[in-house]
């Protein structure tokens, strides 16, 4: 299984990432998820979110999550980009791609990755009011 992880303060270029997708002939599904900053947090209006990460530990945790996903589903590749620093309302803070033979497997693996990330990856957010 191929994996690619990017943690950066740079804006996420969704179109550029999608153009780099590589699928073998046995794969039939590529699922993409883009999570954007909402204009409210806890019922209050915000201007954005400041993301902070313990990057070495985040990288380690993501690799564990990717490995778990690969053991549960026949995933060919996982790519994930997460922003750190200031991210404005409407901007993408996380982007995930999962390539698998079928859509059910790709969707399930993508959901698992996002849920586990929120649970164990040391990335913190602070709303900007």
Protein backbone atom coordinates (compact mmCIF):
# COMPACT_ATOMS: atom_id res chain seq x y z
CA UNK A 1 0.00 0.00 0.00
CA UNK A 2 1.26 3.45 -0.92
CA UNK A 3 0.80 6.33 1.47
CA UNK A 4 1.56 10.03 1.27
CA UNK A 5 1.22 12.45 4.17
CA UNK A 6 1.67 16.21 4.10
CA UNK A 7 1.42 18.45 7.16
CA UNK A 8 2.02 22.03 6.06
CA UNK A 9 1.01 25.65 6.48
CA UNK A 10 0.60 25.86 2.69
CA UNK A 11 -2.89 25.98 1.18
CA UNK A 12 -4.15 22.57 0.03
CA UNK A 13 -4.28 22.39 -3.77
CA UNK A 14 -7.14 19.92 -4.28
CA UNK A 15 -6.98 20.03 -8.08
CA UNK A 16 -3.24 19.46 -8.09
CA UNK A 17 -3.56 16.55 -5.69
CA UNK A 18 -6.31 14.93 -7.76
CA UNK A 19 -4.23 15.22 -10.92
CA UNK A 20 -1.47 13.22 -9.19
CA UNK A 21 -3.77 10.27 -8.45
CA UNK A 22 -2.43 6.89 -9.53
CA UNK A 23 -4.69 3.85 -9.75
CA UNK A 24 -3.73 0.40 -10.97
CA UNK A 25 -6.05 -1.49 -13.33
CA UNK A 26 -7.52 -3.49 -10.44
CA UNK A 27 -8.81 -0.42 -8.63
CA UNK A 28 -12.25 0.98 -9.32
CA UNK A 29 -12.76 3.66 -6.66
CA UNK A 30 -11.04 6.83 -5.57
CA UNK A 31 -12.80 8.59 -2.69
CA UNK A 32 -11.92 12.17 -1.79
CA UNK A 33 -12.79 14.11 1.33
CA UNK A 34 -12.13 17.79 1.86
CA UNK A 35 -12.86 19.34 5.24
CA UNK A 36 -13.23 23.12 5.32
CA UNK A 37 -13.33 25.57 8.21
CA UNK A 38 -16.89 26.56 9.11
CA UNK A 39 -17.83 30.10 10.07
CA UNK A 40 -18.96 29.08 13.53
CA UNK A 41 -17.44 27.12 16.38
CA UNK A 42 -19.46 26.26 19.46
CA UNK A 43 -22.30 28.47 18.23
CA UNK A 44 -20.08 31.56 17.90
CA UNK A 45 -18.91 33.27 14.72
CA UNK A 46 -15.21 32.84 13.94
CA UNK A 47 -12.76 34.17 11.33
CA UNK A 48 -10.84 30.91 11.08
CA UNK A 49 -8.92 28.32 13.04
CA UNK A 50 -5.31 28.15 14.16
CA UNK A 51 -4.07 24.55 13.88
CA UNK A 52 -1.06 23.35 15.82
CA UNK A 53 0.53 19.91 15.56
CA UNK A 54 3.15 17.86 17.32
CA UNK A 55 4.37 16.90 13.85
CA UNK A 56 6.63 13.91 14.57
CA UNK A 57 3.96 12.26 16.72
CA UNK A 58 1.23 13.22 14.22
CA UNK A 59 3.22 11.56 11.42
CA UNK A 60 3.66 8.43 13.56
CA UNK A 61 -0.05 8.28 14.43
CA UNK A 62 -1.11 8.80 10.82
CA UNK A 63 1.14 5.93 9.70
CA UNK A 64 -0.44 3.67 12.33
CA UNK A 65 -3.92 4.68 11.11
CA UNK A 66 -2.96 4.09 7.47
CA UNK A 67 -1.60 0.64 8.38
CA UNK A 68 -4.81 -0.24 10.26
CA UNK A 69 -6.93 0.89 7.29
CA UNK A 70 -4.81 -1.23 4.95
CA UNK A 71 -5.34 -4.29 7.14
CA UNK A 72 -9.13 -3.80 7.30
CA UNK A 73 -9.79 -2.97 3.63
CA UNK A 74 -7.99 -3.78 0.35
CA UNK A 75 -6.70 -0.23 -0.04
CA UNK A 76 -4.12 0.46 -2.75
CA UNK A 77 -3.20 3.96 -1.60
CA UNK A 78 -3.95 6.68 0.93
CA UNK A 79 -2.97 10.31 0.59
CA UNK A 80 -3.68 12.91 3.25
CA UNK A 81 -2.85 16.60 3.57
CA UNK A 82 -3.51 18.58 6.76
CA UNK A 83 -2.96 22.30 7.26
CA UNK A 84 -1.31 23.86 10.27
CA UNK A 85 -1.24 27.53 11.15
CA UNK A 86 -4.07 29.95 10.36
CA UNK A 87 -6.82 28.63 8.11
CA UNK A 88 -9.64 30.98 7.17
CA UNK A 89 -13.35 30.26 6.97
CA UNK A 90 -14.13 28.33 3.79
CA UNK A 91 -10.53 27.16 3.33
CA UNK A 92 -9.73 23.44 3.27
CA UNK A 93 -7.92 22.24 6.38
CA UNK A 94 -7.81 18.51 5.54
CA UNK A 95 -7.90 16.53 2.30
CA UNK A 96 -7.97 12.73 2.07
CA UNK A 97 -7.85 10.34 -0.89
CA UNK A 98 -8.40 6.59 -0.61
CA UNK A 99 -8.03 4.26 -3.62
CA UNK A 100 -9.56 0.79 -3.35
CA UNK A 101 -11.17 -1.82 -5.62
CA UNK A 102 -14.74 -0.80 -4.74
CA UNK A 103 -16.52 2.31 -3.45
CA UNK A 104 -17.80 0.70 -0.23
CA UNK A 105 -14.24 -0.16 0.81
CA UNK A 106 -12.89 3.25 -0.16
CA UNK A 107 -15.66 5.13 1.69
CA UNK A 108 -15.31 2.95 4.80
CA UNK A 109 -11.54 3.35 4.90
CA UNK A 110 -11.80 7.13 4.43
CA UNK A 111 -14.36 7.43 7.25
CA UNK A 112 -12.15 5.31 9.51
CA UNK A 113 -9.08 7.45 8.77
CA UNK A 114 -10.89 10.69 9.59
CA UNK A 115 -12.51 9.32 12.75
CA UNK A 116 -9.25 7.87 14.05
CA UNK A 117 -7.37 11.06 13.19
CA UNK A 118 -9.75 13.11 15.33
CA UNK A 119 -9.36 10.59 18.15
CA UNK A 120 -5.56 10.06 18.31
CA UNK A 121 -3.55 12.47 16.14
CA UNK A 122 -2.02 15.37 18.10
CA UNK A 123 -3.38 18.24 16.04
CA UNK A 124 -5.13 20.95 18.03
CA UNK A 125 -7.34 23.77 16.87
CA UNK A 126 -7.99 27.19 18.32
CA UNK A 127 -10.89 29.25 16.92
CA UNK A 128 -9.98 32.76 15.78
CA UNK A 129 -12.71 35.19 16.83
